[in-house]
Amino acid sequence: MDNKINKIVISGVVAGIYAVMTVALSGISYGGVQFRVAEALMLLCVFRKEYCVALSVGCLVSNMFSPVPLDMIIGTLATVVAVIPIYLVGKLYNKKPLLTHVIASLFPVISNGVIVGLELNYFFGQPLALSMLRVALGELVCVTLLGVILFRVVSKNKQFMRIICFEN
């Protein structure tokens, strides 16, 4: 398969997986306390910039099902703000995978904690600090704990790494 087509297909699959996981687990994905398990996929951005777009699109699609009216815009903005530094960290620290993933995992914690926390404060009237803390904690669990462990395990599979890095 042509490498350009391969990138589009894999990016589409990643966007779809993010959206389906988020909607399928909607009981814990939306609302005042959020544990978006699909956020573990954010660490894919360490490997390729195409995943920045894929995960932003996946987030946009999943936020169409959110009970918060502006989540399509605000929640997706939080993802866009996080994916760019994740990709840049991947370029800077690619020789130390564990350190790279741990540092990269903190960007969604911060961006979602602040941006989505502000959104939830506005729409649900939760205290601002509590709102930010709840979202950041969910991100910490899903990206930093689950995501880093997941990527440490799957990065040992050479075939999987060739696929996600778009290598022939």
N, C-alpha and C. Protein backbone atom coordinates (compact mmCIF):
# COMPACT_ATOMS: atom_id res chain seq x y z
N MET A 1 0.85 -1.18 0.00
CA MET A 1 0.00 0.00 0.00
C MET A 1 0.89 1.24 0.00
N ASP A 2 0.49 2.25 -0.76
CA ASP A 2 1.20 3.50 -0.82
C ASP A 2 1.32 4.11 0.58
N ASN A 3 2.50 4.68 0.91
CA ASN A 3 2.74 5.20 2.25
C ASN A 3 1.76 6.32 2.62
N LYS A 4 1.39 7.16 1.64
CA LYS A 4 0.45 8.25 1.91
C LYS A 4 -0.93 7.69 2.25
N ILE A 5 -1.36 6.71 1.51
CA ILE A 5 -2.65 6.06 1.77
C ILE A 5 -2.59 5.34 3.12
N ASN A 6 -1.46 4.70 3.40
CA ASN A 6 -1.26 4.01 4.67
C ASN A 6 -1.43 4.98 5.84
N LYS A 7 -0.84 6.17 5.73
CA LYS A 7 -0.96 7.18 6.79
C LYS A 7 -2.40 7.61 6.99
N ILE A 8 -3.12 7.82 5.88
CA ILE A 8 -4.52 8.24 5.97
C ILE A 8 -5.37 7.15 6.62
N VAL A 9 -5.17 5.91 6.19
CA VAL A 9 -5.95 4.80 6.74
C VAL A 9 -5.69 4.63 8.23
N ILE A 10 -4.42 4.60 8.62
CA ILE A 10 -4.09 4.40 10.04
C ILE A 10 -4.59 5.58 10.88
N SER A 11 -4.45 6.79 10.36
CA SER A 11 -4.95 7.96 11.08
C SER A 11 -6.46 7.90 11.24
N GLY A 12 -7.16 7.47 10.21
CA GLY A 12 -8.61 7.32 10.29
C GLY A 12 -9.03 6.27 11.31
N VAL A 13 -8.28 5.18 11.33
CA VAL A 13 -8.57 4.12 12.31
C VAL A 13 -8.35 4.63 13.73
N VAL A 14 -7.28 5.37 13.95
CA VAL A 14 -7.00 5.92 15.28
C VAL A 14 -8.09 6.90 15.70
N ALA A 15 -8.50 7.78 14.77
CA ALA A 15 -9.59 8.73 15.08
C ALA A 15 -10.86 7.96 15.45
N GLY A 16 -11.15 6.92 14.68
CA GLY A 16 -12.34 6.11 14.94
C GLY A 16 -12.26 5.38 16.27
N ILE A 17 -11.11 4.83 16.57
CA ILE A 17 -10.94 4.12 17.85
C ILE A 17 -11.15 5.08 19.02
N TYR A 18 -10.57 6.27 18.91
CA TYR A 18 -10.74 7.27 19.98
C TYR A 18 -12.23 7.58 20.17
N ALA A 19 -12.92 7.88 19.07
CA ALA A 19 -14.33 8.26 19.16
C ALA A 19 -15.18 7.11 19.70
N VAL A 20 -14.99 5.92 19.19
CA VAL A 20 -15.80 4.77 19.62
C VAL A 20 -15.55 4.45 21.10
N MET A 21 -14.28 4.45 21.51
CA MET A 21 -13.98 4.18 22.92
C MET A 21 -14.63 5.21 23.84
N THR A 22 -14.56 6.47 23.43
CA THR A 22 -15.10 7.54 24.27
C THR A 22 -16.62 7.43 24.38
N VAL A 23 -17.28 7.24 23.26
CA VAL A 23 -18.74 7.14 23.26
C VAL A 23 -19.20 5.85 23.94
N ALA A 24 -18.50 4.75 23.68
CA ALA A 24 -18.87 3.47 24.30
C ALA A 24 -18.76 3.52 25.82
N LEU A 25 -17.81 4.30 26.30
CA LEU A 25 -17.62 4.46 27.74
C LEU A 25 -18.14 5.83 28.20
N SER A 26 -19.23 6.26 27.59
CA SER A 26 -19.75 7.61 27.84
C SER A 26 -20.06 7.89 29.31
N GLY A 27 -20.40 6.86 30.05
CA GLY A 27 -20.71 7.05 31.47
C GLY A 27 -19.55 7.61 32.27
N ILE A 28 -18.32 7.34 31.82
CA ILE A 28 -17.15 7.87 32.52
C ILE A 28 -16.36 8.87 31.66
N SER A 29 -16.79 9.05 30.40
CA SER A 29 -16.06 9.93 29.48
C SER A 29 -16.49 11.38 29.53
N TYR A 30 -17.72 11.63 29.93
CA TYR A 30 -18.28 12.98 29.92
C TYR A 30 -18.72 13.37 31.32
N GLY A 31 -18.90 14.67 31.51
CA GLY A 31 -19.45 15.15 32.77
C GLY A 31 -18.41 15.72 33.71
N GLY A 32 -18.80 15.86 34.97
CA GLY A 32 -17.97 16.50 35.98
C GLY A 32 -16.71 15.75 36.33
N VAL A 33 -16.75 14.44 36.27
CA VAL A 33 -15.57 13.61 36.49
C VAL A 33 -15.37 12.80 35.22
N GLN A 34 -14.22 12.95 34.58
CA GLN A 34 -14.00 12.32 33.28
C GLN A 34 -12.81 11.38 33.32
N PHE A 35 -13.07 10.15 32.89
CA PHE A 35 -11.99 9.19 32.69
C PHE A 35 -12.11 8.70 31.25
N ARG A 36 -11.53 9.46 30.33
CA ARG A 36 -11.55 9.07 28.92
C ARG A 36 -10.38 8.12 28.67
N VAL A 37 -10.69 6.85 28.69
CA VAL A 37 -9.68 5.83 28.50
C VAL A 37 -8.98 6.02 27.15
N ALA A 38 -9.71 6.49 26.15
CA ALA A 38 -9.14 6.73 24.82
C ALA A 38 -8.02 7.76 24.85
N GLU A 39 -7.95 8.57 25.88
CA GLU A 39 -6.89 9.57 25.99
C GLU A 39 -5.50 8.94 26.07
N ALA A 40 -5.42 7.67 26.42
CA ALA A 40 -4.13 6.98 26.42
C ALA A 40 -3.51 7.03 25.02
N LEU A 41 -4.35 7.11 23.99
CA LEU A 41 -3.87 7.17 22.61
C LEU A 41 -3.13 8.47 22.30
N MET A 42 -3.28 9.47 23.15
CA MET A 42 -2.60 10.75 22.92
C MET A 42 -1.09 10.57 22.77
N LEU A 43 -0.56 9.54 23.39
CA LEU A 43 0.89 9.32 23.32
C LEU A 43 1.35 8.86 21.94
N LEU A 44 0.43 8.52 21.07
CA LEU A 44 0.80 8.23 19.68
C LEU A 44 1.45 9.44 19.02
N CYS A 45 1.07 10.64 19.47
CA CYS A 45 1.61 11.87 18.89
C CYS A 45 3.12 11.98 19.06
N VAL A 46 3.67 11.23 19.99
CA VAL A 46 5.12 11.20 20.17
C VAL A 46 5.79 10.67 18.90
N PHE A 47 5.12 9.77 18.20
CA PHE A 47 5.73 9.07 17.08
C PHE A 47 5.56 9.77 15.74
N ARG A 48 4.38 10.34 15.47
CA ARG A 48 4.10 10.94 14.17
C ARG A 48 3.14 12.12 14.33
N LYS A 49 3.37 13.16 13.55
CA LYS A 49 2.48 14.33 13.60
C LYS A 49 1.09 14.03 13.08
N GLU A 50 0.95 13.02 12.23
CA GLU A 50 -0.38 12.65 11.71
C GLU A 50 -1.35 12.30 12.82
N TYR A 51 -0.83 11.77 13.92
CA TYR A 51 -1.70 11.41 15.03
C TYR A 51 -2.27 12.63 15.74
N CYS A 52 -1.60 13.77 15.61
CA CYS A 52 -2.13 15.01 16.19
C CYS A 52 -3.48 15.33 15.55
N VAL A 53 -3.54 15.20 14.23
CA VAL A 53 -4.78 15.45 13.50
C VAL A 53 -5.79 14.35 13.81
N ALA A 54 -5.35 13.10 13.76
CA ALA A 54 -6.25 11.96 13.99
C ALA A 54 -6.94 12.06 15.35
N LEU A 55 -6.18 12.35 16.38
CA LEU A 55 -6.77 12.41 17.73
C LEU A 55 -7.63 13.65 17.92
N SER A 56 -7.29 14.74 17.26
CA SER A 56 -8.14 15.93 17.32
C SER A 56 -9.48 15.66 16.64
N VAL A 57 -9.44 14.96 15.51
CA VAL A 57 -10.68 14.59 14.80
C VAL A 57 -11.48 13.60 15.65
N GLY A 58 -10.82 12.61 16.22
CA GLY A 58 -11.50 11.65 17.09
C GLY A 58 -12.17 12.33 18.27
N CYS A 59 -11.49 13.29 18.84
CA CYS A 59 -12.04 14.05 19.97
C CYS A 59 -13.25 14.87 19.51
N LEU A 60 -13.13 15.52 18.37
CA LEU A 60 -14.24 16.31 17.82
C LEU A 60 -15.48 15.43 17.62
N VAL A 61 -15.29 14.28 17.01
CA VAL A 61 -16.41 13.37 16.75
C VAL A 61 -17.02 12.90 18.06
N SER A 62 -16.19 12.49 19.01
CA SER A 62 -16.73 12.00 20.29
C SER A 62 -17.43 13.11 21.06
N ASN A 63 -16.96 14.34 20.91
CA ASN A 63 -17.59 15.46 21.62
C ASN A 63 -18.93 15.87 21.02
N MET A 64 -19.27 15.32 19.86
CA MET A 64 -20.61 15.54 19.30
C MET A 64 -21.67 14.88 20.19
N PHE A 65 -21.24 13.92 20.99
CA PHE A 65 -22.15 13.18 21.87
C PHE A 65 -22.11 13.69 23.31
N SER A 66 -21.37 14.74 23.55
CA SER A 66 -21.21 15.28 24.89
C SER A 66 -22.48 16.00 25.35
N PRO A 67 -22.78 15.91 26.64
CA PRO A 67 -23.93 16.67 27.17
C PRO A 67 -23.63 18.16 27.32
N VAL A 68 -22.38 18.55 27.14
CA VAL A 68 -22.00 19.96 27.26
C VAL A 68 -22.07 20.59 25.87
N PRO A 69 -22.89 21.63 25.70
CA PRO A 69 -23.16 22.19 24.37
C PRO A 69 -21.93 22.61 23.56
N LEU A 70 -20.95 23.20 24.18
CA LEU A 70 -19.78 23.70 23.44
C LEU A 70 -18.57 22.76 23.49
N ASP A 71 -18.77 21.53 23.94
CA ASP A 71 -17.65 20.61 24.08
C ASP A 71 -16.97 20.30 22.75
N MET A 72 -17.73 20.35 21.66
CA MET A 72 -17.13 20.11 20.35
C MET A 72 -16.01 21.12 20.08
N ILE A 73 -16.22 22.34 20.51
CA ILE A 73 -15.23 23.39 20.28
C ILE A 73 -14.20 23.42 21.41
N ILE A 74 -14.68 23.55 22.64
CA ILE A 74 -13.77 23.74 23.78
C ILE A 74 -12.97 22.48 24.09
N GLY A 75 -13.64 21.35 24.14
CA GLY A 75 -12.94 20.09 24.43
C GLY A 75 -11.93 19.73 23.34
N THR A 76 -12.32 19.99 22.09
CA THR A 76 -11.40 19.72 20.99
C THR A 76 -10.22 20.68 21.03
N LEU A 77 -10.46 21.92 21.41
CA LEU A 77 -9.37 22.89 21.57
C LEU A 77 -8.36 22.39 22.60
N ALA A 78 -8.84 21.83 23.70
CA ALA A 78 -7.94 21.31 24.73
C ALA A 78 -7.06 20.20 24.15
N THR A 79 -7.63 19.38 23.28
CA THR A 79 -6.84 18.31 22.65
C THR A 79 -5.80 18.90 21.71
N VAL A 80 -6.21 19.85 20.90
CA VAL A 80 -5.27 20.49 19.95
C VAL A 80 -4.11 21.15 20.71
N VAL A 81 -4.44 21.80 21.81
CA VAL A 81 -3.39 22.45 22.63
C VAL A 81 -2.42 21.40 23.18
N ALA A 82 -2.90 20.21 23.47
CA ALA A 82 -2.04 19.16 24.05
C ALA A 82 -1.21 18.42 23.01
N VAL A 83 -1.77 18.15 21.82
CA VAL A 83 -1.06 17.28 20.87
C VAL A 83 0.20 17.91 20.28
N ILE A 84 0.21 19.20 20.13
CA ILE A 84 1.38 19.85 19.52
C ILE A 84 2.62 19.70 20.40
N PRO A 85 2.57 20.05 21.69
CA PRO A 85 3.78 19.83 22.50
C PRO A 85 4.12 18.35 22.69
N ILE A 86 3.12 17.47 22.64
CA ILE A 86 3.43 16.03 22.73
C ILE A 86 4.30 15.64 21.55
N TYR A 87 3.93 16.06 20.37
CA TYR A 87 4.72 15.75 19.17
C TYR A 87 6.13 16.34 19.28
N LEU A 88 6.23 17.58 19.74
CA LEU A 88 7.54 18.24 19.87
C LEU A 88 8.42 17.53 20.91
N VAL A 89 7.83 17.09 22.00
CA VAL A 89 8.59 16.34 23.01
C VAL A 89 9.12 15.04 22.40
N GLY A 90 8.29 14.41 21.59
CA GLY A 90 8.72 13.18 20.91
C GLY A 90 9.93 13.41 20.02
N LYS A 91 9.98 14.54 19.36
CA LYS A 91 11.12 14.86 18.50
C LYS A 91 12.37 15.16 19.32
N LEU A 92 12.19 15.77 20.49
CA LEU A 92 13.34 16.17 21.32
C LEU A 92 13.93 15.02 22.13
N TYR A 93 13.08 14.17 22.66
CA TYR A 93 13.54 13.15 23.61
C TYR A 93 13.39 11.73 23.09
N ASN A 94 13.40 11.53 21.79
CA ASN A 94 13.09 10.21 21.25
C ASN A 94 14.09 9.12 21.64
N LYS A 95 15.21 9.47 22.21
CA LYS A 95 16.20 8.47 22.62
C LYS A 95 15.89 7.86 23.99
N LYS A 96 15.00 8.51 24.74
CA LYS A 96 14.63 8.04 26.08
C LYS A 96 13.11 7.85 26.13
N PRO A 97 12.62 6.69 25.68
CA PRO A 97 11.17 6.52 25.54
C PRO A 97 10.36 6.71 26.82
N LEU A 98 10.80 6.18 27.94
CA LEU A 98 10.02 6.32 29.17
C LEU A 98 9.90 7.78 29.57
N LEU A 99 11.02 8.49 29.58
CA LEU A 99 11.01 9.91 29.92
C LEU A 99 10.14 10.69 28.94
N THR A 100 10.26 10.36 27.66
CA THR A 100 9.46 11.03 26.63
C THR A 100 7.98 10.85 26.90
N HIS A 101 7.56 9.62 27.17
CA HIS A 101 6.14 9.36 27.39
C HIS A 101 5.63 10.01 28.68
N VAL A 102 6.42 10.00 29.70
CA VAL A 102 5.99 10.61 30.96
C VAL A 102 5.84 12.12 30.77
N ILE A 103 6.83 12.77 30.18
CA ILE A 103 6.74 14.22 29.95
C ILE A 103 5.57 14.53 29.03
N ALA A 104 5.46 13.78 27.93
CA ALA A 104 4.39 14.02 26.96
C ALA A 104 3.01 13.83 27.59
N SER A 105 2.90 12.90 28.51
CA SER A 105 1.60 12.61 29.12
C SER A 105 1.08 13.76 29.98
N LEU A 106 1.96 14.65 30.37
CA LEU A 106 1.54 15.76 31.24
C LEU A 106 0.82 16.88 30.49
N PHE A 107 1.03 16.97 29.18
CA PHE A 107 0.37 18.03 28.42
C PHE A 107 -1.15 17.88 28.37
N PRO A 108 -1.69 16.68 28.14
CA PRO A 108 -3.16 16.55 28.22
C PRO A 108 -3.69 16.77 29.64
N VAL A 109 -2.91 16.40 30.62
CA VAL A 109 -3.32 16.62 32.02
C VAL A 109 -3.52 18.11 32.24
N ILE A 110 -2.55 18.90 31.81
CA ILE A 110 -2.60 20.35 32.03
C ILE A 110 -3.65 21.01 31.14
N SER A 111 -3.61 20.74 29.83
CA SER A 111 -4.54 21.45 28.93
C SER A 111 -6.00 21.09 29.21
N ASN A 112 -6.29 19.81 29.40
CA ASN A 112 -7.66 19.43 29.70
C ASN A 112 -8.07 19.89 31.10
N GLY A 113 -7.13 19.78 32.05
CA GLY A 113 -7.44 20.25 33.40
C GLY A 113 -7.87 21.70 33.41
N VAL A 114 -7.13 22.54 32.70
CA VAL A 114 -7.44 23.97 32.68
C VAL A 114 -8.63 24.28 31.78
N ILE A 115 -8.55 23.87 30.51
CA ILE A 115 -9.57 24.27 29.52
C ILE A 115 -10.91 23.59 29.79
N VAL A 116 -10.91 22.26 29.93
CA VAL A 116 -12.16 21.55 30.18
C VAL A 116 -12.66 21.86 31.59
N GLY A 117 -11.72 22.05 32.52
CA GLY A 117 -12.12 22.44 33.87
C GLY A 117 -12.88 23.77 33.88
N LEU A 118 -12.41 24.74 33.11
CA LEU A 118 -13.12 26.02 32.97
C LEU A 118 -14.50 25.82 32.34
N GLU A 119 -14.54 24.96 31.33
CA GLU A 119 -15.81 24.67 30.65
C GLU A 119 -16.83 24.05 31.61
N LEU A 120 -16.39 23.08 32.38
CA LEU A 120 -17.30 22.41 33.32
C LEU A 120 -17.72 23.35 34.45
N ASN A 121 -16.81 24.21 34.85
CA ASN A 121 -17.15 25.21 35.86
C ASN A 121 -18.28 26.10 35.35
N TYR A 122 -18.17 26.51 34.12
CA TYR A 122 -19.18 27.40 33.53
C TYR A 122 -20.52 26.68 33.35
N PHE A 123 -20.51 25.49 32.80
CA PHE A 123 -21.76 24.80 32.46
C PHE A 123 -22.42 24.09 33.64
N PHE A 124 -21.61 23.57 34.57
CA PHE A 124 -22.17 22.82 35.69
C PHE A 124 -22.11 23.58 37.01
N GLY A 125 -21.44 24.73 37.01
CA GLY A 125 -21.35 25.52 38.22
C GLY A 125 -20.49 24.91 39.31
N GLN A 126 -19.64 23.97 38.93
CA GLN A 126 -18.73 23.38 39.93
C GLN A 126 -17.69 24.43 40.34
N PRO A 127 -17.18 24.34 41.55
CA PRO A 127 -16.08 25.24 41.93
C PRO A 127 -14.91 25.05 40.95
N LEU A 128 -14.30 26.14 40.54
CA LEU A 128 -13.29 26.10 39.49
C LEU A 128 -12.13 25.16 39.83
N ALA A 129 -11.57 25.30 41.01
CA ALA A 129 -10.42 24.46 41.39
C ALA A 129 -10.81 22.98 41.39
N LEU A 130 -11.99 22.67 41.89
CA LEU A 130 -12.46 21.29 41.93
C LEU A 130 -12.68 20.75 40.52
N SER A 131 -13.25 21.56 39.67
CA SER A 131 -13.51 21.18 38.29
C SER A 131 -12.20 20.87 37.57
N MET A 132 -11.22 21.74 37.70
CA MET A 132 -9.92 21.54 37.06
C MET A 132 -9.21 20.31 37.63
N LEU A 133 -9.29 20.15 38.92
CA LEU A 133 -8.64 19.01 39.58
C LEU A 133 -9.25 17.69 39.13
N ARG A 134 -10.56 17.63 39.03
CA ARG A 134 -11.22 16.39 38.61
C ARG A 134 -10.82 15.98 37.20
N VAL A 135 -10.81 16.95 36.30
CA VAL A 135 -10.44 16.64 34.91
C VAL A 135 -8.97 16.26 34.84
N ALA A 136 -8.12 17.00 35.52
CA ALA A 136 -6.69 16.70 35.51
C ALA A 136 -6.41 15.32 36.10
N LEU A 137 -7.12 14.96 37.15
CA LEU A 137 -6.94 13.65 37.76
C LEU A 137 -7.34 12.53 36.79
N GLY A 138 -8.45 12.72 36.09
CA GLY A 138 -8.88 11.74 35.09
C GLY A 138 -7.84 11.58 33.99
N GLU A 139 -7.28 12.68 33.55
CA GLU A 139 -6.23 12.64 32.53
C GLU A 139 -4.96 11.98 33.06
N LEU A 140 -4.62 12.28 34.28
CA LEU A 140 -3.43 11.67 34.89
C LEU A 140 -3.56 10.15 34.92
N VAL A 141 -4.74 9.67 35.31
CA VAL A 141 -4.97 8.23 35.36
C VAL A 141 -4.94 7.63 33.96
N CYS A 142 -5.65 8.25 33.02
CA CYS A 142 -5.80 7.65 31.69
C CYS A 142 -4.57 7.82 30.80
N VAL A 143 -3.91 8.94 30.87
CA VAL A 143 -2.76 9.17 29.99
C VAL A 143 -1.45 8.81 30.68
N THR A 144 -1.22 9.38 31.85
CA THR A 144 0.08 9.17 32.49
C THR A 144 0.22 7.75 33.03
N LEU A 145 -0.78 7.25 33.71
CA LEU A 145 -0.66 5.89 34.25
C LEU A 145 -0.95 4.84 33.18
N LEU A 146 -2.17 4.82 32.67
CA LEU A 146 -2.56 3.82 31.68
C LEU A 146 -1.77 3.95 30.39
N GLY A 147 -1.70 5.16 29.85
CA GLY A 147 -1.03 5.38 28.57
C GLY A 147 0.45 5.05 28.58
N VAL A 148 1.15 5.51 29.59
CA VAL A 148 2.60 5.24 29.66
C VAL A 148 2.85 3.74 29.80
N ILE A 149 2.08 3.07 30.64
CA ILE A 149 2.25 1.62 30.80
C ILE A 149 1.93 0.91 29.49
N LEU A 150 0.82 1.30 28.86
CA LEU A 150 0.43 0.69 27.58
C LEU A 150 1.52 0.84 26.53
N PHE A 151 2.06 2.04 26.40
CA PHE A 151 3.09 2.26 25.38
C PHE A 151 4.42 1.61 25.73
N ARG A 152 4.70 1.43 26.99
CA ARG A 152 5.91 0.69 27.38
C ARG A 152 5.78 -0.77 26.94
N VAL A 153 4.59 -1.32 27.07
CA VAL A 153 4.35 -2.72 26.69
C VAL A 153 4.35 -2.88 25.18
N VAL A 154 3.55 -2.08 24.47
CA VAL A 154 3.42 -2.27 23.02
C VAL A 154 4.66 -1.84 22.25
N SER A 155 5.47 -0.95 22.82
CA SER A 155 6.67 -0.52 22.10
C SER A 155 7.71 -1.63 21.98
N LYS A 156 7.52 -2.72 22.72
CA LYS A 156 8.43 -3.86 22.60
C LYS A 156 8.09 -4.73 21.40
N ASN A 157 6.93 -4.53 20.80
CA ASN A 157 6.51 -5.27 19.63
C ASN A 157 6.98 -4.53 18.38
N LYS A 158 7.99 -5.05 17.72
CA LYS A 158 8.61 -4.37 16.58
C LYS A 158 7.62 -4.20 15.41
N GLN A 159 6.78 -5.18 15.17
CA GLN A 159 5.81 -5.07 14.08
C GLN A 159 4.80 -3.95 14.37
N PHE A 160 4.33 -3.88 15.60
CA PHE A 160 3.40 -2.81 15.98
C PHE A 160 4.07 -1.45 15.80
N MET A 161 5.31 -1.32 16.22
CA MET A 161 6.02 -0.05 16.10
C MET A 161 6.22 0.33 14.64
N ARG A 162 6.48 -0.63 13.77
CA ARG A 162 6.61 -0.33 12.34
C ARG A 162 5.30 0.21 11.78
N ILE A 163 4.20 -0.35 12.24
CA ILE A 163 2.89 0.10 11.77
C ILE A 163 2.60 1.52 12.23
N ILE A 164 2.76 1.78 13.52
CA ILE A 164 2.39 3.12 14.01
C ILE A 164 3.39 4.20 13.58
N CYS A 165 4.59 3.79 13.20
CA CYS A 165 5.57 4.77 12.72
C CYS A 165 5.56 4.87 11.19
N PHE A 166 4.63 4.16 10.54
CA PHE A 166 4.45 4.17 9.08
C PHE A 166 5.69 3.70 8.35
N GLU A 167 6.37 2.72 8.89
CA GLU A 167 7.54 2.17 8.22
C GLU A 167 7.13 0.94 7.42
N ASN A 168 7.72 0.76 6.27
CA ASN A 168 7.40 -0.40 5.44
C ASN A 168 8.07 -1.66 5.91
